Amino acid sequence: GCGTGAVRVTGGAGDLAVTAMPYPAGAPEQRPDRMQHRDRADVFAGIADASVWVLDSRQRKWTVIPVPDAVAANTAGDGTVLVLR
């Protein structure tokens, strides 16, 4: 993962826009190593230290959900997140 958050890159050749999406203030220090998502999805999910991290890149919003025994997380479309415990 990135040290300060994520970036969203939109546009095409010669017209790229980069938007920073910093981690939320007060979020746990342990961050996900990787984020999972469905092809062409705007929502990403990852696991770190007993929490599921969800990033809605379209809304530029992070959500951290306590899930102590999560072993995998992914998105299922329409903002739905699946967590395997």
C-alpha atoms as a PDB file:
ATOM      1  CA  GLY A   1       0.000   0.000   0.000  1.00  0.00           C
ATOM      2  CA  CYS A   2       0.907   3.665  -0.111  1.00  0.00           C
ATOM      3  CA  GLY A   3       2.226   5.446   2.955  1.00  0.00           C
ATOM      4  CA  THR A   4      -0.286   8.302   2.912  1.00  0.00           C
ATOM      5  CA  GLY A   5      -3.307   6.909   1.062  1.00  0.00           C
ATOM      6  CA  ALA A   6      -4.300   6.204  -2.524  1.00  0.00           C
ATOM      7  CA  VAL A   7      -4.497   8.124  -5.778  1.00  0.00           C
ATOM      8  CA  ARG A   8      -7.192   8.054  -8.447  1.00  0.00           C
ATOM      9  CA  VAL A   9      -6.087   8.592 -12.035  1.00  0.00           C
ATOM     10  CA  THR A  10      -8.785   9.457 -14.583  1.00  0.00           C
ATOM     11  CA  GLY A  11      -8.860  10.677 -18.161  1.00  0.00           C
ATOM     12  CA  GLY A  12      -7.097   9.553 -21.281  1.00  0.00           C
ATOM     13  CA  ALA A  13      -3.934  10.192 -23.227  1.00  0.00           C
ATOM     14  CA  GLY A  14      -2.792  13.760 -22.690  1.00  0.00           C
ATOM     15  CA  ASP A  15      -5.692  14.544 -20.326  1.00  0.00           C
ATOM     16  CA  LEU A  16      -4.872  12.743 -17.071  1.00  0.00           C
ATOM     17  CA  ALA A  17      -6.189  13.944 -13.720  1.00  0.00           C
ATOM     18  CA  VAL A  18      -4.666  12.666 -10.467  1.00  0.00           C
ATOM     19  CA  THR A  19      -6.602  12.992  -7.204  1.00  0.00           C
ATOM     20  CA  ALA A  20      -5.102  12.163  -3.798  1.00  0.00           C
ATOM     21  CA  MET A  21      -7.242  10.217  -1.322  1.00  0.00           C
ATOM     22  CA  PRO A  22      -5.377  10.345   2.006  1.00  0.00           C
ATOM     23  CA  TYR A  23      -6.082   7.856   4.766  1.00  0.00           C
ATOM     24  CA  PRO A  24      -8.703   9.158   7.209  1.00  0.00           C
ATOM     25  CA  ALA A  25      -7.562  11.057  10.294  1.00  0.00           C
ATOM     26  CA  GLY A  26      -7.502   8.843  13.367  1.00  0.00           C
ATOM     27  CA  ALA A  27      -7.446   5.603  11.352  1.00  0.00           C
ATOM     28  CA  PRO A  28      -5.389   2.655  12.650  1.00  0.00           C
ATOM     29  CA  GLU A  29      -1.662   2.851  11.904  1.00  0.00           C
ATOM     30  CA  GLN A  30      -1.615  -0.632  10.344  1.00  0.00           C
ATOM     31  CA  ARG A  31      -2.693  -0.202   6.702  1.00  0.00           C
ATOM     32  CA  PRO A  32      -3.620  -2.862   4.111  1.00  0.00           C
ATOM     33  CA  ASP A  33      -0.775  -4.295   2.032  1.00  0.00           C
ATOM     34  CA  ARG A  34      -3.097  -4.590  -0.954  1.00  0.00           C
ATOM     35  CA  MET A  35      -6.636  -3.737  -1.973  1.00  0.00           C
ATOM     36  CA  GLN A  36      -8.968  -6.054  -3.922  1.00  0.00           C
ATOM     37  CA  HIS A  37     -11.712  -5.024  -6.348  1.00  0.00           C
ATOM     38  CA  ARG A  38     -13.890  -6.200  -9.183  1.00  0.00           C
ATOM     39  CA  ASP A  39     -12.903  -5.283 -12.723  1.00  0.00           C
ATOM     40  CA  ARG A  40     -13.843  -1.664 -13.508  1.00  0.00           C
ATOM     41  CA  ALA A  41     -15.111  -1.103  -9.949  1.00  0.00           C
ATOM     42  CA  ASP A  42     -14.793   2.124  -7.972  1.00  0.00           C
ATOM     43  CA  VAL A  43     -14.847   0.389  -4.563  1.00  0.00           C
ATOM     44  CA  PHE A  44     -11.788  -1.411  -3.154  1.00  0.00           C
ATOM     45  CA  ALA A  45     -11.375  -3.544  -0.005  1.00  0.00           C
ATOM     46  CA  GLY A  46      -8.356  -4.670   2.004  1.00  0.00           C
ATOM     47  CA  ILE A  47      -7.500  -6.145   5.409  1.00  0.00           C
ATOM     48  CA  ALA A  48      -5.095  -4.862   8.040  1.00  0.00           C
ATOM     49  CA  ASP A  49      -4.775  -5.569  11.753  1.00  0.00           C
ATOM     50  CA  ALA A  50      -8.317  -6.737  12.585  1.00  0.00           C
ATOM     51  CA  SER A  51      -9.977  -4.206  10.276  1.00  0.00           C
ATOM     52  CA  VAL A  52     -11.438  -4.161   6.781  1.00  0.00           C
ATOM     53  CA  TRP A  53     -10.567  -0.986   4.890  1.00  0.00           C
ATOM     54  CA  VAL A  54     -12.982   0.109   2.155  1.00  0.00           C
ATOM     55  CA  LEU A  55     -12.167   2.838  -0.361  1.00  0.00           C
ATOM     56  CA  ASP A  56     -14.900   4.317  -2.546  1.00  0.00           C
ATOM     57  CA  SER A  57     -12.691   6.042  -5.093  1.00  0.00           C
ATOM     58  CA  ARG A  58     -15.571   7.834  -6.787  1.00  0.00           C
ATOM     59  CA  GLN A  59     -16.646   9.417  -3.475  1.00  0.00           C
ATOM     60  CA  ARG A  60     -12.988   9.717  -2.351  1.00  0.00           C
ATOM     61  CA  LYS A  61     -13.968   8.197   0.982  1.00  0.00           C
ATOM     62  CA  TRP A  62     -12.298   5.609   3.225  1.00  0.00           C
ATOM     63  CA  THR A  63     -14.256   3.493   5.729  1.00  0.00           C
ATOM     64  CA  VAL A  64     -12.521   1.331   8.349  1.00  0.00           C
ATOM     65  CA  ILE A  65     -14.660  -1.501   9.762  1.00  0.00           C
ATOM     66  CA  PRO A  66     -13.488  -3.526  12.795  1.00  0.00           C
ATOM     67  CA  VAL A  67     -13.485  -7.237  11.837  1.00  0.00           C
ATOM     68  CA  PRO A  68     -11.010  -9.016  14.160  1.00  0.00           C
ATOM     69  CA  ASP A  69     -11.096 -12.401  12.427  1.00  0.00           C
ATOM     70  CA  ALA A  70     -11.269 -11.379   8.739  1.00  0.00           C
ATOM     71  CA  VAL A  71      -8.999 -13.388   6.441  1.00  0.00           C
ATOM     72  CA  ALA A  72     -10.083 -11.986   3.044  1.00  0.00           C
ATOM     73  CA  ALA A  73     -12.145  -9.118   1.653  1.00  0.00           C
ATOM     74  CA  ASN A  74     -13.291  -8.129  -1.815  1.00  0.00           C
ATOM     75  CA  THR A  75     -15.996  -6.064  -3.442  1.00  0.00           C
ATOM     76  CA  ALA A  76     -19.113  -7.536  -5.022  1.00  0.00           C
ATOM     77  CA  GLY A  77     -20.432  -4.580  -7.006  1.00  0.00           C
ATOM     78  CA  ASP A  78     -22.721  -1.665  -6.095  1.00  0.00           C
ATOM     79  CA  GLY A  79     -20.561  -0.834  -3.070  1.00  0.00           C
ATOM     80  CA  THR A  80     -21.047  -4.243  -1.440  1.00  0.00           C
ATOM     81  CA  VAL A  81     -18.035  -5.683   0.391  1.00  0.00           C
ATOM     82  CA  LEU A  82     -17.630  -9.407   1.060  1.00  0.00           C
ATOM     83  CA  VAL A  83     -15.563 -10.479   4.074  1.00  0.00           C
ATOM     84  CA  LEU A  84     -14.394 -14.041   4.741  1.00  0.00           C
ATOM     85  CA  ARG A  85     -14.014 -14.805   8.449  1.00  0.00           C
END
